[in-house]
């Protein structure tokens, strides 16, 4: 009765399914295996293997493949060979080759260099194995390329083969074995392909993939710590083809801190430093080391006369000096007066020559002891020149108007110091490009007059890049400063404005030393393209901390962390909290005294 009742209720019994395992979760839904590639979802994979090596392998020879900007997996399988077993085989091989050499000698044949080299290599290997200084391995190296199409696979394979062929390392496609080749490059430690070459410890160690650039030299200053291997990055910028450098970083990432640290350490090695400071960041450093700090503003007591002429250097005539100065002044007038048409340009050029002539400064006269004219003299000449009256009116604000006093005085700046800083913080924004142009031009004339090891640092250089004449002048210095033992350092946080100028890119090209600190997402693609960074380096610059980045010196580059001593940090810090704490400590000390 109970059984019949159960049948009538029609109870369904649930079926218990086996839970999905880890393999089921990670495995693709389908895979297509062809003779030359595998299709895994929407990706195409191809496995290559290395089968022949040259007689000598240099350290880091595999790095160009490892650092290639493509997606691929590399597996290196080492299978130790029993020393006793291989010694027996080597003894038999040595005996065989010696017999062949003796036979050739008995027959009077000429020597065979191939057999002699083989015997020498075998003897060396046998000695090192016997002395336990080397071990022998069967080494399998497999590369699985991952691309979006078969065409991209072919292109990537050709690129990798080209790199390895240049090093006499031969590769083959794992035809009809793509499935086991793919499994051999998975992180499972299984060598299913089993295509090996016999390598002893020395050559096998050259496959080690984690080789970092070494930027340590016997002279120079400490820039920071190599984050790859904790070695010191010691470098002399003047040992490169030029001593120019650029520092790119977002605000607050440590660019001024890094620049001040380099300045402090360069001063200790006897290098003079000249700085254009837009924010008074270098004032405390200047006071600490006893440097000269000049404020350049509308109300400042420090003046630079744009009409002042430099001393002629060896092989340069007075006519050349005067002509060059007039050309530079025309560029400065474009910054001051705005866009000039060809007629106005010609009038200014003629008026400048007449202004100098009014002070008896001509190409035929020794003007070394002459007092140079001022901007008011130039305005007077323009007012009395046909077509120059409107230009004189536009110039009036710099001689009699609200901007008077900035450019209309004789020079009273003393450049006889190891560290000289020109502060333009109090200069109006509109006048900053003019001030920077004027200061750099004056400094350049001083640099040309006396050969001395110097660094010229231009902070916030993007301001000059916004004006073609100023950018062109800065680029001219970057090209020529090597002849005068000068290294130009340009610092900017606005990478797009700097590299958006044709002169900005040219300055970058003419800078052998480059430092990239933390970048913003808005500019990282521009930086990546300009410096040919890999994806890993791109993300490093997005995620690194303050004072961390990538240091380029010539063809080498490495991840860097800038580190200062406690004393150095107290001198160069830009952290407002630390500055307030330092000022409070000094105030407390003064009150105690």
Protein backbone atom coordinates (compact mmCIF):
# COMPACT_ATOMS: atom_id res chain seq x y z
CA UNK A 1 0.00 0.00 0.00
CA UNK A 2 2.82 2.41 0.89
CA UNK A 3 4.66 1.58 -2.34
CA UNK A 4 1.62 2.30 -4.49
CA UNK A 5 1.13 5.61 -2.68
CA UNK A 6 4.72 6.67 -3.55
CA UNK A 7 4.16 5.81 -7.19
CA UNK A 8 1.02 7.95 -7.32
CA UNK A 9 2.79 10.99 -5.77
CA UNK A 10 5.32 10.97 -8.67
CA UNK A 11 8.22 12.31 -6.60
CA UNK A 12 11.27 13.46 -8.68
CA UNK A 13 14.74 12.61 -7.35
CA UNK A 14 17.35 15.40 -7.92
CA UNK A 15 20.48 14.42 -9.88
CA UNK A 16 23.74 15.35 -8.12
CA UNK A 17 26.25 16.81 -10.65
CA UNK A 18 29.98 16.71 -10.03
CA UNK A 19 31.38 20.15 -9.07
CA UNK A 20 33.51 21.92 -11.67
CA UNK A 21 37.24 21.57 -11.03
CA UNK A 22 39.98 24.21 -11.41
CA UNK A 23 40.87 22.96 -14.90
CA UNK A 24 37.28 23.39 -16.05
CA UNK A 25 37.27 26.98 -14.83
CA UNK A 26 40.51 28.12 -16.52
CA UNK A 27 40.33 25.98 -19.67
CA UNK A 28 39.11 27.64 -22.88
CA UNK A 29 35.76 26.61 -24.29
CA UNK A 30 37.41 25.36 -27.49
CA UNK A 31 40.79 25.09 -29.18
CA UNK A 32 41.71 24.60 -32.83
CA UNK A 33 45.08 22.99 -33.52
CA UNK A 34 46.68 23.57 -36.93
CA UNK A 35 50.08 22.45 -38.15
CA UNK A 36 51.72 25.88 -37.69
CA UNK A 37 49.59 27.56 -35.04
CA UNK A 38 46.84 27.17 -32.43
CA UNK A 39 43.67 29.21 -32.26
CA UNK A 40 42.61 29.74 -28.66
CA UNK A 41 39.39 31.73 -28.59
CA UNK A 42 40.08 34.88 -30.62
CA UNK A 43 43.88 34.61 -30.12
CA UNK A 44 46.42 32.84 -32.34
CA UNK A 45 49.50 31.16 -30.85
CA UNK A 46 52.68 29.79 -32.37
CA UNK A 47 55.58 28.08 -30.61
CA UNK A 48 59.21 28.41 -31.73
CA UNK A 49 62.21 26.58 -30.31
CA UNK A 50 65.92 27.35 -30.28
CA UNK A 51 68.07 24.54 -31.60
CA UNK A 52 71.54 25.91 -32.43
CA UNK A 53 73.88 28.34 -30.70
CA UNK A 54 77.19 30.00 -31.67
CA UNK A 55 80.47 29.03 -30.05
CA UNK A 56 80.40 32.06 -27.72
CA UNK A 57 77.38 33.60 -26.00
CA UNK A 58 77.58 37.04 -24.41
CA UNK A 59 75.72 37.98 -21.24
CA UNK A 60 72.32 39.55 -21.92
CA UNK A 61 72.19 38.35 -25.55
CA UNK A 62 68.61 37.18 -25.01
CA UNK A 63 67.45 40.56 -23.59
CA UNK A 64 66.33 42.06 -26.97
CA UNK A 65 63.83 39.22 -27.34
CA UNK A 66 62.67 39.38 -23.70
CA UNK A 67 62.18 43.16 -23.90
CA UNK A 68 60.40 43.04 -27.25
CA UNK A 69 57.13 44.98 -27.15
CA UNK A 70 54.93 41.99 -28.01
CA UNK A 71 52.87 39.40 -26.16
CA UNK A 72 54.60 36.02 -25.80
CA UNK A 73 55.55 33.40 -23.25
CA UNK A 74 59.10 32.09 -22.87
CA UNK A 75 59.97 28.83 -21.16
CA UNK A 76 63.55 27.81 -20.39
CA UNK A 77 63.90 24.19 -19.23
CA UNK A 78 67.17 23.03 -17.62
CA UNK A 79 67.79 19.28 -17.33
CA UNK A 80 71.01 18.49 -15.42
CA UNK A 81 73.18 15.78 -16.98
CA UNK A 82 75.00 13.30 -14.72
CA UNK A 83 78.68 14.25 -14.73
CA UNK A 84 79.95 10.66 -14.61
CA UNK A 85 77.87 9.69 -17.64
CA UNK A 86 78.90 12.67 -19.73
CA UNK A 87 82.58 12.22 -18.78
CA UNK A 88 82.57 8.77 -20.37
CA UNK A 89 81.09 10.16 -23.57
CA UNK A 90 83.56 13.06 -23.60
CA UNK A 91 86.51 10.69 -23.15
CA UNK A 92 85.34 8.57 -26.09
CA UNK A 93 84.84 11.71 -28.20
CA UNK A 94 88.28 13.10 -27.31
CA UNK A 95 89.89 9.76 -28.18
CA UNK A 96 88.06 9.71 -31.54
CA UNK A 97 89.15 13.24 -32.49
CA UNK A 98 92.76 12.62 -31.42
CA UNK A 99 92.79 9.51 -33.58
CA UNK A 100 91.56 11.52 -36.57
CA UNK A 101 94.26 14.14 -36.01
CA UNK A 102 97.00 11.51 -35.71
CA UNK A 103 95.79 9.84 -38.89
CA UNK A 104 95.95 13.13 -40.79
CA UNK A 105 99.46 13.76 -39.44
CA UNK A 106 100.67 10.31 -40.57
CA UNK A 107 99.27 10.89 -44.05
CA UNK A 108 101.01 14.27 -44.25
CA UNK A 109 97.76 16.20 -44.66
CA UNK A 110 97.49 19.85 -43.68
CA UNK A 111 96.08 20.69 -40.25
CA UNK A 112 92.30 20.77 -39.79
CA UNK A 113 91.31 23.87 -37.69
CA UNK A 114 87.79 22.53 -37.12
CA UNK A 115 89.03 19.31 -35.50
CA UNK A 116 91.66 21.16 -33.46
CA UNK A 117 89.08 23.66 -32.15
CA UNK A 118 86.67 20.85 -31.29
CA UNK A 119 89.41 19.01 -29.38
CA UNK A 120 90.35 22.18 -27.49
CA UNK A 121 86.70 22.83 -26.49
CA UNK A 122 86.18 19.24 -25.40
CA UNK A 123 89.35 19.29 -23.29
CA UNK A 124 88.27 22.54 -21.59
CA UNK A 125 84.80 21.17 -20.89
CA UNK A 126 86.19 17.89 -19.57
CA UNK A 127 88.60 19.73 -17.26
CA UNK A 128 85.89 22.02 -15.87
CA UNK A 129 83.49 19.11 -15.31
CA UNK A 130 86.19 17.07 -13.63
CA UNK A 131 87.05 20.00 -11.34
CA UNK A 132 83.34 20.60 -10.60
CA UNK A 133 83.57 24.24 -11.71
CA UNK A 134 80.94 23.59 -14.41
CA UNK A 135 77.93 21.36 -14.91
CA UNK A 136 76.31 20.24 -18.14
CA UNK A 137 72.63 20.75 -18.91
CA UNK A 138 70.23 19.78 -21.62
CA UNK A 139 68.50 23.11 -22.25
CA UNK A 140 65.22 23.65 -24.05
CA UNK A 141 64.16 27.21 -24.93
CA UNK A 142 60.64 27.67 -26.29
CA UNK A 143 58.80 30.86 -27.28
CA UNK A 144 55.01 30.94 -27.72
CA UNK A 145 53.90 34.05 -29.60
CA UNK A 146 50.37 35.39 -28.95
CA UNK A 147 48.73 37.61 -31.58
CA UNK A 148 45.31 38.56 -32.95
CA UNK A 149 45.79 37.07 -36.44
CA UNK A 150 47.96 34.70 -38.44
CA UNK A 151 49.45 37.68 -40.28
CA UNK A 152 50.56 39.22 -36.97
CA UNK A 153 52.00 35.85 -35.96
CA UNK A 154 54.11 35.75 -39.12
CA UNK A 155 55.30 39.30 -38.54
CA UNK A 156 56.24 38.61 -34.90
CA UNK A 157 58.02 35.37 -35.85
CA UNK A 158 60.07 37.22 -38.49
CA UNK A 159 60.99 39.90 -35.94
CA UNK A 160 62.15 37.40 -33.34
CA UNK A 161 64.05 35.31 -35.90
CA UNK A 162 65.77 38.43 -37.21
CA UNK A 163 67.01 39.34 -33.71
CA UNK A 164 68.27 35.81 -33.01
CA UNK A 165 69.75 35.20 -36.48
CA UNK A 166 71.89 38.30 -36.01
CA UNK A 167 73.37 36.53 -32.96
CA UNK A 168 73.77 33.23 -34.87
CA UNK A 169 71.08 31.58 -32.74
CA UNK A 170 68.84 29.44 -34.97
CA UNK A 171 65.12 28.84 -34.42
CA UNK A 172 62.42 26.66 -35.93
CA UNK A 173 58.65 26.53 -35.86
CA UNK A 174 57.31 23.57 -33.89
CA UNK A 175 55.32 22.29 -36.88
CA UNK A 176 52.71 19.60 -36.10
CA UNK A 177 53.71 19.93 -32.42
CA UNK A 178 52.02 23.23 -31.60
CA UNK A 179 49.84 21.71 -28.91
CA UNK A 180 52.71 20.22 -26.90
CA UNK A 181 54.81 23.31 -27.62
CA UNK A 182 52.08 25.47 -26.08
CA UNK A 183 51.91 23.15 -23.05
CA UNK A 184 55.70 23.36 -22.67
CA UNK A 185 55.50 27.15 -22.24
CA UNK A 186 52.70 27.05 -19.68
CA UNK A 187 53.81 27.71 -16.06
CA UNK A 188 53.58 24.00 -15.23
CA UNK A 189 57.27 23.10 -15.44
CA UNK A 190 56.62 20.32 -18.00
CA UNK A 191 58.96 20.01 -20.96
CA UNK A 192 56.81 18.06 -23.41
CA UNK A 193 58.54 19.31 -26.56
CA UNK A 194 61.94 17.91 -25.47
CA UNK A 195 64.11 19.66 -28.06
CA UNK A 196 67.37 20.27 -26.24
CA UNK A 197 70.88 21.63 -26.70
CA UNK A 198 73.81 20.71 -24.48
CA UNK A 199 75.08 23.78 -22.62
CA UNK A 200 77.45 23.97 -19.70
CA UNK A 201 76.96 26.41 -16.82
CA UNK A 202 78.60 29.45 -18.44
CA UNK A 203 76.61 29.57 -21.70
CA UNK A 204 73.42 28.45 -19.94
CA UNK A 205 73.69 31.36 -17.48
CA UNK A 206 73.58 33.87 -20.35
CA UNK A 207 69.91 32.96 -20.79
CA UNK A 208 69.16 34.49 -17.38
CA UNK A 209 66.38 36.97 -18.23
CA UNK A 210 66.62 39.42 -15.34
CA UNK A 211 69.62 41.50 -16.39
CA UNK A 212 69.34 45.22 -15.61
CA UNK A 213 71.28 48.16 -17.02
CA UNK A 214 74.35 49.20 -15.05
CA UNK A 215 74.82 52.98 -14.84
CA UNK A 216 77.71 53.06 -12.41
CA UNK A 217 80.89 54.81 -13.55
CA UNK A 218 84.19 55.72 -11.91
CA UNK A 219 83.42 59.44 -11.75
CA UNK A 220 80.45 61.74 -11.58
CA UNK A 221 77.73 62.29 -8.99
CA UNK A 222 75.17 60.02 -7.37
CA UNK A 223 71.77 60.40 -9.02
CA UNK A 224 70.00 57.63 -7.11
CA UNK A 225 69.55 53.90 -6.58
CA UNK A 226 68.94 51.41 -9.40
CA UNK A 227 65.60 49.86 -8.43
CA UNK A 228 66.36 46.69 -10.42
CA UNK A 229 69.45 45.62 -8.52
CA UNK A 230 69.99 48.24 -5.77
CA UNK A 231 73.26 49.38 -7.34
CA UNK A 232 74.28 53.06 -7.32
CA UNK A 233 73.58 55.21 -10.38
CA UNK A 234 76.78 57.24 -10.55
CA UNK A 235 77.17 59.29 -13.68
CA UNK A 236 79.10 62.19 -15.15
CA UNK A 237 76.84 64.04 -17.57
CA UNK A 238 79.86 65.73 -19.16
CA UNK A 239 81.20 62.33 -20.27
CA UNK A 240 78.39 61.96 -22.85
CA UNK A 241 78.29 63.46 -26.35
CA UNK A 242 76.55 66.46 -24.77
CA UNK A 243 75.84 67.40 -21.16
CA UNK A 244 72.21 68.42 -21.67
CA UNK A 245 69.40 66.87 -19.66
CA UNK A 246 65.61 67.04 -19.42
CA UNK A 247 63.37 66.25 -16.46
CA UNK A 248 59.70 65.49 -17.12
CA UNK A 249 57.29 64.96 -14.22
CA UNK A 250 53.87 65.91 -12.92
CA UNK A 251 53.55 68.42 -10.10
CA UNK A 252 54.59 67.05 -6.72
CA UNK A 253 56.54 64.07 -8.05
CA UNK A 254 59.98 65.36 -7.02
CA UNK A 255 61.40 67.04 -10.11
CA UNK A 256 62.67 70.20 -8.33
CA UNK A 257 63.90 68.07 -5.42
CA UNK A 258 65.90 65.93 -7.86
CA UNK A 259 67.27 68.98 -9.66
CA UNK A 260 68.38 70.60 -6.40
CA UNK A 261 70.08 67.39 -5.30
CA UNK A 262 72.03 67.27 -8.56
CA UNK A 263 72.97 70.95 -8.15
CA UNK A 264 74.19 70.44 -4.60
CA UNK A 265 76.34 67.46 -5.56
CA UNK A 266 77.62 69.14 -8.75
CA UNK A 267 78.78 72.16 -6.72
CA UNK A 268 80.84 69.77 -4.58
CA UNK A 269 82.67 68.58 -7.72
CA UNK A 270 83.60 72.13 -8.80
CA UNK A 271 80.82 72.77 -11.34
CA UNK A 272 79.29 76.26 -11.52
CA UNK A 273 75.48 76.38 -11.64
CA UNK A 274 73.13 79.06 -12.99
CA UNK A 275 69.38 78.70 -12.37
CA UNK A 276 66.23 80.39 -13.64
CA UNK A 277 63.82 79.93 -10.75
CA UNK A 278 60.10 80.62 -11.37
CA UNK A 279 58.89 79.97 -7.79
CA UNK A 280 61.73 80.89 -5.35
CA UNK A 281 62.28 77.15 -4.80
CA UNK A 282 66.07 77.50 -4.88
CA UNK A 283 66.35 80.42 -2.44
CA UNK A 284 67.16 78.41 0.70
CA UNK A 285 69.66 76.26 -1.20
CA UNK A 286 71.36 79.42 -2.50
CA UNK A 287 71.58 80.97 0.96
CA UNK A 288 72.91 77.73 2.48
CA UNK A 289 75.82 77.36 0.03
CA UNK A 290 76.57 81.10 -0.15
CA UNK A 291 75.33 81.66 -3.69
CA UNK A 292 73.93 84.82 -5.33
CA UNK A 293 70.14 85.21 -5.47
CA UNK A 294 68.76 87.89 -7.82
CA UNK A 295 65.12 88.87 -7.92
CA UNK A 296 63.98 89.97 -11.37
CA UNK A 297 60.72 91.95 -11.24
CA UNK A 298 59.28 95.37 -12.08
CA UNK A 299 60.35 96.76 -8.68
CA UNK A 300 63.61 94.85 -8.33
CA UNK A 301 66.98 96.48 -7.70
CA UNK A 302 68.61 93.93 -10.02
CA UNK A 303 68.62 94.82 -13.71
CA UNK A 304 69.91 93.40 -16.98
CA UNK A 305 70.27 95.72 -19.95
CA UNK A 306 69.24 93.83 -23.10
CA UNK A 307 71.50 96.13 -25.17
CA UNK A 308 74.67 95.09 -23.32
CA UNK A 309 77.25 93.54 -25.62
CA UNK A 310 79.43 90.51 -24.75
CA UNK A 311 83.19 90.39 -25.20
CA UNK A 312 84.33 88.87 -28.51
CA UNK A 313 85.80 85.40 -28.08
CA UNK A 314 88.79 83.97 -29.96
CA UNK A 315 88.34 84.23 -33.71
CA UNK A 316 85.22 86.39 -33.45
CA UNK A 317 85.14 89.94 -34.77
CA UNK A 318 83.34 92.87 -33.19
CA UNK A 319 81.12 93.06 -36.25
CA UNK A 320 79.97 89.47 -35.66
CA UNK A 321 79.19 90.22 -31.99
CA UNK A 322 77.16 93.30 -32.87
CA UNK A 323 75.27 91.56 -35.68
CA UNK A 324 74.43 88.54 -33.48
CA UNK A 325 73.22 90.80 -30.67
CA UNK A 326 70.94 92.76 -33.01
CA UNK A 327 69.42 89.53 -34.35
CA UNK A 328 68.70 88.33 -30.81
CA UNK A 329 67.20 91.70 -29.90
CA UNK A 330 64.83 91.46 -32.88
CA UNK A 331 63.62 88.13 -31.44
CA UNK A 332 63.11 89.76 -28.06
CA UNK A 333 61.15 92.62 -29.62
CA UNK A 334 58.78 90.08 -31.14
CA UNK A 335 58.09 88.78 -27.63
CA UNK A 336 57.55 92.31 -26.32
CA UNK A 337 55.52 93.79 -29.17
CA UNK A 338 53.73 90.71 -30.48
CA UNK A 339 53.60 89.61 -34.10
CA UNK A 340 55.57 91.82 -36.50
CA UNK A 341 55.03 92.08 -40.23
CA UNK A 342 58.08 92.08 -42.56
CA UNK A 343 58.08 95.88 -42.83
CA UNK A 344 58.03 96.36 -39.05
CA UNK A 345 60.73 93.69 -38.68
CA UNK A 346 63.00 95.61 -41.08
CA UNK A 347 62.33 98.93 -39.29
CA UNK A 348 63.29 97.42 -35.91
CA UNK A 349 66.44 95.90 -37.36
CA UNK A 350 67.53 99.25 -38.78
CA UNK A 351 66.55 101.13 -35.62
CA UNK A 352 68.63 98.79 -33.45
CA UNK A 353 71.73 99.42 -35.58
CA UNK A 354 71.17 103.18 -35.35
CA UNK A 355 70.62 102.95 -31.59
CA UNK A 356 74.04 101.39 -31.15
CA UNK A 357 75.56 103.91 -33.54
CA UNK A 358 74.15 106.73 -31.39
CA UNK A 359 76.54 105.53 -28.65
CA UNK A 360 79.42 105.22 -31.15
CA UNK A 361 79.07 101.44 -31.27
CA UNK A 362 79.63 100.32 -34.85
CA UNK A 363 81.32 97.30 -36.50
CA UNK A 364 84.44 99.38 -37.23
CA UNK A 365 84.99 100.78 -33.70
CA UNK A 366 86.34 99.13 -30.56
CA UNK A 367 83.29 99.26 -28.29
CA UNK A 368 84.70 97.29 -25.34
CA UNK A 369 84.76 100.44 -23.17
CA UNK A 370 81.56 102.02 -24.50
CA UNK A 371 78.40 102.39 -22.42
CA UNK A 372 75.61 100.49 -24.15
CA UNK A 373 72.32 102.22 -25.02
CA UNK A 374 69.06 101.54 -23.21
CA UNK A 375 65.50 100.83 -24.27
CA UNK A 376 64.65 104.54 -24.03
CA UNK A 377 67.37 105.30 -26.58
CA UNK A 378 65.87 102.70 -28.88
CA UNK A 379 62.40 104.22 -28.48
CA UNK A 380 63.72 107.69 -29.33
CA UNK A 381 65.30 106.37 -32.51
CA UNK A 382 62.01 104.69 -33.50
CA UNK A 383 60.02 107.89 -32.90
CA UNK A 384 62.22 109.79 -35.33
CA UNK A 385 62.28 107.05 -37.96
CA UNK A 386 59.79 106.87 -40.81
CA UNK A 387 57.23 104.14 -40.09
CA UNK A 388 58.53 103.63 -36.55
CA UNK A 389 56.14 105.88 -34.62
CA UNK A 390 53.51 103.16 -34.03
CA UNK A 391 56.21 100.74 -32.85
CA UNK A 392 57.52 103.40 -30.46
CA UNK A 393 54.03 103.81 -29.03
CA UNK A 394 53.74 100.05 -28.44
CA UNK A 395 57.14 100.14 -26.74
CA UNK A 396 56.18 103.00 -24.43
CA UNK A 397 54.76 100.78 -21.68
CA UNK A 398 58.25 99.26 -21.22
CA UNK A 399 59.94 102.69 -20.92
CA UNK A 400 57.38 105.00 -19.30
CA UNK A 401 54.32 102.87 -18.54
CA UNK A 402 53.49 100.17 -16.01
CA UNK A 403 56.38 97.92 -17.17
CA UNK A 404 58.99 100.69 -16.88
CA UNK A 405 62.10 99.83 -14.88
CA UNK A 406 62.25 96.19 -15.93
CA UNK A 407 64.28 96.55 -19.14
CA UNK A 408 65.29 100.21 -19.15
CA UNK A 409 68.38 100.20 -16.88
CA UNK A 410 72.05 99.35 -17.09
CA UNK A 411 73.15 95.92 -15.89
CA UNK A 412 74.10 95.68 -12.21
CA UNK A 413 74.26 91.89 -11.76
CA UNK A 414 77.49 90.30 -10.48
CA UNK A 415 78.05 86.83 -11.95
CA UNK A 416 81.18 86.00 -9.92
CA UNK A 417 79.80 83.13 -7.82
CA UNK A 418 79.63 79.34 -7.98
CA UNK A 419 75.82 79.34 -7.72
CA UNK A 420 73.68 82.06 -9.26
CA UNK A 421 69.89 82.07 -9.16
CA UNK A 422 67.57 84.43 -11.04
CA UNK A 423 64.12 84.42 -9.43
CA UNK A 424 61.19 85.50 -11.62
CA UNK A 425 58.45 84.56 -9.13
CA UNK A 426 57.37 88.18 -8.67
CA UNK A 427 57.34 88.87 -12.39
CA UNK A 428 53.92 89.26 -14.01
CA UNK A 429 52.81 86.21 -15.99
CA UNK A 430 52.77 88.19 -19.24
CA UNK A 431 56.39 89.23 -18.76
CA UNK A 432 57.80 85.85 -17.72
CA UNK A 433 58.73 84.66 -21.23
CA UNK A 434 60.50 87.99 -21.84
CA UNK A 435 62.34 87.74 -18.51
CA UNK A 436 63.43 84.17 -19.18
CA UNK A 437 64.62 85.09 -22.68
CA UNK A 438 66.53 88.10 -21.35
CA UNK A 439 68.22 86.15 -18.53
CA UNK A 440 69.18 83.17 -20.69
CA UNK A 441 70.57 85.46 -23.37
CA UNK A 442 72.64 87.35 -20.78
CA UNK A 443 73.89 84.10 -19.24
CA UNK A 444 74.77 82.74 -22.67
CA UNK A 445 76.94 85.78 -23.36
CA UNK A 446 78.75 85.21 -20.03
CA UNK A 447 79.21 81.50 -20.82
CA UNK A 448 80.72 82.24 -24.24
CA UNK A 449 83.12 84.79 -22.79
CA UNK A 450 84.83 82.38 -20.34
CA UNK A 451 85.28 78.63 -20.76
CA UNK A 452 84.27 76.96 -17.50
CA UNK A 453 82.38 73.83 -16.44
CA UNK A 454 78.80 75.01 -15.89
CA UNK A 455 75.20 73.85 -15.67
CA UNK A 456 72.34 76.12 -16.76
CA UNK A 457 69.01 75.02 -15.29
CA UNK A 458 65.74 76.33 -16.73
CA UNK A 459 62.79 75.38 -14.53
CA UNK A 460 59.29 75.34 -16.07
CA UNK A 461 60.81 75.52 -19.55
CA UNK A 462 57.38 75.01 -21.14
CA UNK A 463 56.80 78.78 -20.64
CA UNK A 464 59.42 79.49 -23.31
CA UNK A 465 58.09 76.76 -25.59
CA UNK A 466 54.87 78.77 -26.02
CA UNK A 467 56.75 81.47 -27.95
CA UNK A 468 58.62 80.50 -31.10
CA UNK A 469 61.45 83.03 -30.77
CA UNK A 470 62.14 82.07 -27.15
CA UNK A 471 61.92 78.36 -27.96
CA UNK A 472 64.23 78.80 -30.95
CA UNK A 473 66.80 80.62 -28.81
CA UNK A 474 66.73 77.91 -26.13
CA UNK A 475 67.15 75.25 -28.82
CA UNK A 476 70.15 77.14 -30.22
CA UNK A 477 71.81 77.01 -26.80
CA UNK A 478 71.05 73.27 -26.50
CA UNK A 479 72.86 72.66 -29.80
CA UNK A 480 75.89 74.84 -29.14
CA UNK A 481 76.51 74.67 -25.39
CA UNK A 482 78.76 71.57 -25.58
CA UNK A 483 81.50 73.72 -27.17
CA UNK A 484 81.51 75.98 -24.13
CA UNK A 485 81.54 73.24 -21.46
CA UNK A 486 77.92 73.95 -20.54
CA UNK A 487 75.16 71.49 -19.73
CA UNK A 488 71.58 72.70 -20.21
CA UNK A 489 68.91 71.25 -17.89
CA UNK A 490 65.27 71.85 -18.81
CA UNK A 491 62.54 70.95 -16.32
CA UNK A 492 58.85 70.89 -17.13
CA UNK A 493 55.59 69.53 -15.75
CA UNK A 494 53.58 70.40 -18.86
CA UNK A 495 54.89 67.71 -21.20
CA UNK A 496 52.30 68.32 -23.91
CA UNK A 497 53.21 72.00 -24.25
CA UNK A 498 56.93 71.25 -24.26
CA UNK A 499 56.85 68.38 -26.76
CA UNK A 500 54.10 70.05 -28.78
CA UNK A 501 56.69 72.59 -29.92
CA UNK A 502 59.05 71.54 -32.70
CA UNK A 503 61.86 73.10 -30.68
CA UNK A 504 60.85 71.14 -27.58
CA UNK A 505 61.27 67.86 -29.44
CA UNK A 506 64.60 69.07 -30.83
CA UNK A 507 65.84 69.97 -27.33
CA UNK A 508 64.84 66.49 -26.16
CA UNK A 509 66.77 64.93 -29.06
CA UNK A 510 69.84 67.00 -28.13
CA UNK A 511 69.74 65.90 -24.47
CA UNK A 512 71.80 62.80 -23.66
CA UNK A 513 70.53 62.65 -20.08
CA UNK A 514 66.79 62.25 -19.48
CA UNK A 515 64.83 61.65 -16.30
CA UNK A 516 61.17 60.69 -16.26
CA UNK A 517 59.43 60.78 -12.90
CA UNK A 518 55.77 60.08 -12.10
CA UNK A 519 53.51 61.06 -15.01
CA UNK A 520 49.84 61.94 -15.22
CA UNK A 521 47.42 59.77 -17.26
CA UNK A 522 46.74 62.78 -19.52
CA UNK A 523 50.35 62.97 -20.74
CA UNK A 524 51.59 59.38 -20.43
CA UNK A 525 50.84 58.45 -24.05
CA UNK A 526 52.84 61.44 -25.31
CA UNK A 527 55.75 60.44 -23.07
CA UNK A 528 55.47 56.77 -24.10
CA UNK A 529 55.66 57.68 -27.79
CA UNK A 530 58.47 60.23 -27.39
CA UNK A 531 60.69 57.91 -25.33
CA UNK A 532 59.65 54.64 -27.01
CA UNK A 533 58.63 53.11 -23.68
CA UNK A 534 57.28 49.60 -23.25
CA UNK A 535 53.90 48.99 -21.62
CA UNK A 536 55.64 47.95 -18.39
CA UNK A 537 57.65 51.19 -18.29
CA UNK A 538 54.51 53.18 -19.03
CA UNK A 539 52.69 51.68 -16.03
CA UNK A 540 55.79 52.11 -13.87
CA UNK A 541 55.66 55.89 -14.52
CA UNK A 542 51.96 55.98 -13.68
CA UNK A 543 52.27 54.06 -10.41
CA UNK A 544 55.71 54.99 -9.03
CA UNK A 545 56.16 57.09 -5.91
CA UNK A 546 57.72 60.50 -5.34
CA UNK A 547 61.33 60.60 -6.54
CA UNK A 548 60.97 57.39 -8.57
CA UNK A 549 61.05 56.98 -12.32
CA UNK A 550 63.27 56.03 -15.26
CA UNK A 551 66.77 57.41 -15.77
CA UNK A 552 68.16 57.55 -19.34
CA UNK A 553 71.86 58.03 -20.00
CA UNK A 554 72.80 57.67 -23.66
CA UNK A 555 71.59 54.27 -24.85
CA UNK A 556 71.15 52.88 -21.32
CA UNK A 557 68.23 53.34 -18.97
CA UNK A 558 67.17 51.99 -15.61
CA UNK A 559 64.47 52.46 -12.99
CA UNK A 560 65.71 54.95 -10.40
CA UNK A 561 64.87 56.03 -6.88
CA UNK A 562 66.30 59.40 -5.87
CA UNK A 563 67.69 59.34 -2.32
CA UNK A 564 69.24 62.18 -0.33
CA UNK A 565 71.03 62.22 3.00
CA UNK A 566 69.36 63.89 6.00
CA UNK A 567 71.48 67.04 5.64
CA UNK A 568 70.84 67.26 1.90
CA UNK A 569 67.12 66.75 2.46
CA UNK A 570 66.97 69.64 4.93
CA UNK A 571 68.57 71.93 2.36
CA UNK A 572 66.60 70.96 -0.74
CA UNK A 573 63.16 69.87 0.49
CA UNK A 574 60.12 71.53 -1.11
CA UNK A 575 57.61 69.94 1.25
CA UNK A 576 55.63 72.83 2.88
CA UNK A 577 55.20 70.86 6.11
CA UNK A 578 58.94 70.26 6.42
CA UNK A 579 59.71 73.88 5.54
CA UNK A 580 57.35 75.17 8.26
CA UNK A 581 58.88 72.77 10.78
CA UNK A 582 62.37 73.98 9.85
CA UNK A 583 61.37 77.65 10.17
CA UNK A 584 59.75 76.99 13.55
CA UNK A 585 62.89 75.24 14.75
CA UNK A 586 65.02 78.19 13.64
CA UNK A 587 62.66 80.66 15.35
CA UNK A 588 62.75 78.67 18.59
CA UNK A 589 66.54 78.59 18.44
CA UNK A 590 66.72 82.37 17.96
CA UNK A 591 64.32 82.95 20.88
CA UNK A 592 66.44 80.71 23.09
CA UNK A 593 69.56 82.67 22.26
